[in-house]
Amino acid sequence: MSVFLSIIILAIVAWKGYYAWKRGIATYRRDCREHDSLREYLLGNGASPRQARQPFVVHALQRAFRPLLAQWRLLVVLAVLIVLLVISLSVG
């Protein structure tokens, strides 16, 4: 039973990781295409290529991981509540 649950949990984590990666890459590519003038402006004002890409990377990471963090936050709150309920029931 625990092997089956482990496989299911690993599959869910892999799917969520793939979905975050896909969302991040799509956001990065869209931002680079739509806001290329920002990159050119930064390069023209002395920024390195890495510094010119930084706003796009930051936005892509935020867009990729913000929904995942919200889901995990809810899961952690529920787990803590369940553990507290079990402890209070077992003590009394």
N, C-alpha and C. Protein backbone atom coordinates (compact mmCIF):
# COMPACT_ATOMS: atom_id res chain seq x y z
N MET A 1 0.82 -1.20 0.00
CA MET A 1 0.00 0.00 0.00
C MET A 1 0.86 1.25 0.00
N SER A 2 1.94 1.28 0.80
CA SER A 2 2.77 2.48 0.87
C SER A 2 3.53 2.70 -0.43
N VAL A 3 3.89 1.62 -1.14
CA VAL A 3 4.56 1.77 -2.43
C VAL A 3 3.60 2.42 -3.42
N PHE A 4 2.37 1.99 -3.41
CA PHE A 4 1.37 2.56 -4.31
C PHE A 4 1.17 4.05 -4.04
N LEU A 5 1.08 4.41 -2.75
CA LEU A 5 0.92 5.82 -2.40
C LEU A 5 2.16 6.63 -2.77
N SER A 6 3.34 6.04 -2.61
CA SER A 6 4.57 6.73 -2.99
C SER A 6 4.61 7.00 -4.48
N ILE A 7 4.17 6.04 -5.27
CA ILE A 7 4.14 6.22 -6.72
C ILE A 7 3.16 7.32 -7.10
N ILE A 8 2.01 7.34 -6.46
CA ILE A 8 1.02 8.38 -6.74
C ILE A 8 1.56 9.76 -6.36
N ILE A 9 2.19 9.86 -5.20
CA ILE A 9 2.73 11.15 -4.76
C ILE A 9 3.85 11.61 -5.69
N LEU A 10 4.73 10.70 -6.09
CA LEU A 10 5.79 11.06 -7.03
C LEU A 10 5.22 11.50 -8.37
N ALA A 11 4.17 10.85 -8.82
CA ALA A 11 3.55 11.23 -10.09
C ALA A 11 2.94 12.63 -9.99
N ILE A 12 2.29 12.92 -8.88
CA ILE A 12 1.69 14.25 -8.70
C ILE A 12 2.77 15.33 -8.65
N VAL A 13 3.84 15.06 -7.90
CA VAL A 13 4.94 16.03 -7.80
C VAL A 13 5.59 16.24 -9.16
N ALA A 14 5.79 15.16 -9.92
CA ALA A 14 6.38 15.29 -11.26
C ALA A 14 5.47 16.09 -12.18
N TRP A 15 4.18 15.85 -12.12
CA TRP A 15 3.24 16.58 -12.95
C TRP A 15 3.23 18.07 -12.60
N LYS A 16 3.20 18.37 -11.30
CA LYS A 16 3.22 19.77 -10.87
C LYS A 16 4.52 20.45 -11.29
N GLY A 17 5.63 19.74 -11.19
CA GLY A 17 6.91 20.29 -11.64
C GLY A 17 6.93 20.56 -13.12
N TYR A 18 6.40 19.63 -13.90
CA TYR A 18 6.32 19.83 -15.35
C TYR A 18 5.43 21.01 -15.69
N TYR A 19 4.31 21.13 -15.01
CA TYR A 19 3.38 22.22 -15.26
C TYR A 19 4.02 23.56 -14.91
N ALA A 20 4.76 23.62 -13.81
CA ALA A 20 5.45 24.86 -13.42
C ALA A 20 6.52 25.20 -14.44
N TRP A 21 7.28 24.21 -14.89
CA TRP A 21 8.32 24.43 -15.90
C TRP A 21 7.70 24.96 -17.19
N LYS A 22 6.61 24.34 -17.61
CA LYS A 22 5.94 24.74 -18.85
C LYS A 22 5.42 26.17 -18.74
N ARG A 23 4.81 26.52 -17.62
CA ARG A 23 4.29 27.87 -17.42
C ARG A 23 5.44 28.89 -17.38
N GLY A 24 6.52 28.56 -16.71
CA GLY A 24 7.66 29.46 -16.62
C GLY A 24 8.31 29.71 -17.97
N ILE A 25 8.52 28.66 -18.74
CA ILE A 25 9.14 28.81 -20.06
C ILE A 25 8.23 29.61 -20.98
N ALA A 26 6.94 29.35 -20.96
CA ALA A 26 6.01 30.10 -21.80
C ALA A 26 6.00 31.58 -21.43
N THR A 27 6.04 31.87 -20.13
CA THR A 27 6.07 33.26 -19.68
C THR A 27 7.36 33.94 -20.10
N TYR A 28 8.48 33.26 -19.95
CA TYR A 28 9.77 33.83 -20.34
C TYR A 28 9.79 34.14 -21.83
N ARG A 29 9.36 33.20 -22.64
CA ARG A 29 9.38 33.40 -24.09
C ARG A 29 8.44 34.53 -24.50
N ARG A 30 7.25 34.58 -23.89
CA ARG A 30 6.30 35.64 -24.23
C ARG A 30 6.84 37.01 -23.82
N ASP A 31 7.41 37.09 -22.62
CA ASP A 31 7.97 38.36 -22.16
C ASP A 31 9.12 38.81 -23.05
N CYS A 32 9.99 37.89 -23.44
CA CYS A 32 11.11 38.25 -24.31
C CYS A 32 10.61 38.74 -25.67
N ARG A 33 9.56 38.14 -26.16
CA ARG A 33 9.02 38.54 -27.46
C ARG A 33 8.30 39.89 -27.36
N GLU A 34 7.49 40.07 -26.33
CA GLU A 34 6.67 41.27 -26.23
C GLU A 34 7.42 42.47 -25.66
N HIS A 35 8.46 42.24 -24.87
CA HIS A 35 9.15 43.33 -24.20
C HIS A 35 10.63 43.36 -24.58
N ASP A 36 10.92 43.08 -25.83
CA ASP A 36 12.30 43.08 -26.28
C ASP A 36 12.91 44.48 -26.17
N SER A 37 12.08 45.51 -26.26
CA SER A 37 12.60 46.87 -26.15
C SER A 37 13.20 47.13 -24.76
N LEU A 38 12.66 46.51 -23.72
CA LEU A 38 13.22 46.65 -22.39
C LEU A 38 14.61 46.06 -22.33
N ARG A 39 14.79 44.88 -22.93
CA ARG A 39 16.11 44.25 -22.96
C ARG A 39 17.10 45.12 -23.72
N GLU A 40 16.66 45.66 -24.87
CA GLU A 40 17.54 46.52 -25.66
C GLU A 40 17.87 47.80 -24.90
N TYR A 41 16.91 48.35 -24.17
CA TYR A 41 17.15 49.55 -23.37
C TYR A 41 18.20 49.28 -22.29
N LEU A 42 18.04 48.14 -21.60
CA LEU A 42 19.00 47.80 -20.54
C LEU A 42 20.39 47.56 -21.11
N LEU A 43 20.46 46.88 -22.25
CA LEU A 43 21.77 46.65 -22.88
C LEU A 43 22.39 47.97 -23.33
N GLY A 44 21.58 48.85 -23.85
CA GLY A 44 22.09 50.14 -24.31
C GLY A 44 22.58 51.02 -23.19
N ASN A 45 22.08 50.81 -21.99
CA ASN A 45 22.50 51.60 -20.84
C ASN A 45 23.58 50.92 -20.00
N GLY A 46 24.24 49.93 -20.59
CA GLY A 46 25.41 49.34 -19.93
C GLY A 46 25.17 48.09 -19.14
N ALA A 47 23.99 47.51 -19.20
CA ALA A 47 23.74 46.26 -18.47
C ALA A 47 24.38 45.10 -19.23
N SER A 48 24.81 44.09 -18.49
CA SER A 48 25.32 42.89 -19.13
C SER A 48 24.13 42.09 -19.69
N PRO A 49 24.39 41.17 -20.60
CA PRO A 49 23.27 40.35 -21.10
C PRO A 49 22.51 39.61 -20.00
N ARG A 50 23.25 39.18 -18.98
CA ARG A 50 22.60 38.49 -17.86
C ARG A 50 21.69 39.45 -17.10
N GLN A 51 22.15 40.66 -16.85
CA GLN A 51 21.34 41.66 -16.16
C GLN A 51 20.14 42.07 -17.00
N ALA A 52 20.28 42.07 -18.30
CA ALA A 52 19.17 42.44 -19.18
C ALA A 52 18.08 41.36 -19.19
N ARG A 53 18.47 40.12 -18.97
CA ARG A 53 17.49 39.02 -18.93
C ARG A 53 16.84 38.85 -17.56
N GLN A 54 17.44 39.42 -16.53
CA GLN A 54 16.99 39.19 -15.16
C GLN A 54 15.51 39.51 -14.93
N PRO A 55 14.95 40.64 -15.42
CA PRO A 55 13.52 40.89 -15.18
C PRO A 55 12.62 39.81 -15.78
N PHE A 56 13.02 39.27 -16.92
CA PHE A 56 12.22 38.22 -17.56
C PHE A 56 12.28 36.92 -16.78
N VAL A 57 13.46 36.59 -16.27
CA VAL A 57 13.63 35.36 -15.49
C VAL A 57 12.86 35.45 -14.17
N VAL A 58 12.95 36.60 -13.51
CA VAL A 58 12.24 36.78 -12.24
C VAL A 58 10.74 36.65 -12.44
N HIS A 59 10.21 37.27 -13.48
CA HIS A 59 8.78 37.19 -13.73
C HIS A 59 8.36 35.76 -14.07
N ALA A 60 9.18 35.06 -14.84
CA ALA A 60 8.85 33.67 -15.20
C ALA A 60 8.84 32.77 -13.96
N LEU A 61 9.83 32.96 -13.07
CA LEU A 61 9.86 32.15 -11.85
C LEU A 61 8.68 32.45 -10.94
N GLN A 62 8.32 33.72 -10.83
CA GLN A 62 7.16 34.08 -10.01
C GLN A 62 5.90 33.46 -10.57
N ARG A 63 5.73 33.54 -11.88
CA ARG A 63 4.52 33.00 -12.51
C ARG A 63 4.48 31.48 -12.44
N ALA A 64 5.64 30.85 -12.43
CA ALA A 64 5.68 29.38 -12.40
C ALA A 64 5.38 28.84 -11.01
N PHE A 65 5.93 29.47 -9.97
CA PHE A 65 5.87 28.86 -8.64
C PHE A 65 4.81 29.45 -7.72
N ARG A 66 4.26 30.59 -8.04
CA ARG A 66 3.25 31.18 -7.14
C ARG A 66 2.03 30.26 -6.96
N PRO A 67 1.45 29.68 -8.02
CA PRO A 67 0.30 28.77 -7.80
C PRO A 67 0.68 27.52 -6.99
N LEU A 68 1.89 27.01 -7.21
CA LEU A 68 2.31 25.83 -6.46
C LEU A 68 2.47 26.14 -4.99
N LEU A 69 3.05 27.29 -4.68
CA LEU A 69 3.22 27.66 -3.28
C LEU A 69 1.88 27.86 -2.59
N ALA A 70 0.91 28.40 -3.30
CA ALA A 70 -0.42 28.58 -2.71
C ALA A 70 -1.06 27.22 -2.41
N GLN A 71 -0.91 26.27 -3.32
CA GLN A 71 -1.47 24.94 -3.09
C GLN A 71 -0.77 24.24 -1.92
N TRP A 72 0.55 24.33 -1.85
CA TRP A 72 1.28 23.67 -0.77
C TRP A 72 0.99 24.34 0.57
N ARG A 73 0.78 25.65 0.55
CA ARG A 73 0.46 26.36 1.80
C ARG A 73 -0.85 25.82 2.37
N LEU A 74 -1.84 25.63 1.52
CA LEU A 74 -3.11 25.08 1.97
C LEU A 74 -2.94 23.67 2.50
N LEU A 75 -2.14 22.87 1.82
CA LEU A 75 -1.91 21.50 2.25
C LEU A 75 -1.23 21.45 3.62
N VAL A 76 -0.26 22.33 3.84
CA VAL A 76 0.44 22.35 5.13
C VAL A 76 -0.49 22.79 6.25
N VAL A 77 -1.33 23.77 5.99
CA VAL A 77 -2.28 24.22 7.02
C VAL A 77 -3.23 23.09 7.38
N LEU A 78 -3.74 22.39 6.39
CA LEU A 78 -4.65 21.27 6.66
C LEU A 78 -3.94 20.15 7.42
N ALA A 79 -2.70 19.86 7.07
CA ALA A 79 -1.95 18.81 7.76
C ALA A 79 -1.71 19.18 9.21
N VAL A 80 -1.37 20.43 9.47
CA VAL A 80 -1.15 20.87 10.85
C VAL A 80 -2.45 20.77 11.65
N LEU A 81 -3.55 21.17 11.07
CA LEU A 81 -4.83 21.07 11.77
C LEU A 81 -5.20 19.62 12.08
N ILE A 82 -4.94 18.72 11.15
CA ILE A 82 -5.25 17.31 11.38
C ILE A 82 -4.35 16.74 12.48
N VAL A 83 -3.08 17.09 12.46
CA VAL A 83 -2.15 16.60 13.50
C VAL A 83 -2.58 17.13 14.87
N LEU A 84 -2.93 18.38 14.95
CA LEU A 84 -3.39 18.94 16.22
C LEU A 84 -4.67 18.27 16.71
N LEU A 85 -5.58 17.97 15.79
CA LEU A 85 -6.82 17.29 16.16
C LEU A 85 -6.52 15.88 16.67
N VAL A 86 -5.64 15.17 16.01
CA VAL A 86 -5.29 13.81 16.44
C VAL A 86 -4.61 13.85 17.81
N ILE A 87 -3.71 14.79 18.01
CA ILE A 87 -3.04 14.89 19.31
C ILE A 87 -4.02 15.21 20.42
N SER A 88 -4.94 16.15 20.15
CA SER A 88 -5.90 16.50 21.19
C SER A 88 -6.85 15.35 21.50
N LEU A 89 -7.21 14.56 20.51
CA LEU A 89 -8.09 13.42 20.75
C LEU A 89 -7.37 12.28 21.47
N SER A 90 -6.07 12.12 21.20
CA SER A 90 -5.34 11.00 21.83
C SER A 90 -4.96 11.33 23.27
N VAL A 91 -4.79 12.60 23.59
CA VAL A 91 -4.41 12.98 24.96
C VAL A 91 -5.60 12.82 25.90
N GLY A 92 -6.76 13.24 25.46
CA GLY A 92 -7.94 13.26 26.34
C GLY A 92 -8.55 11.95 26.52
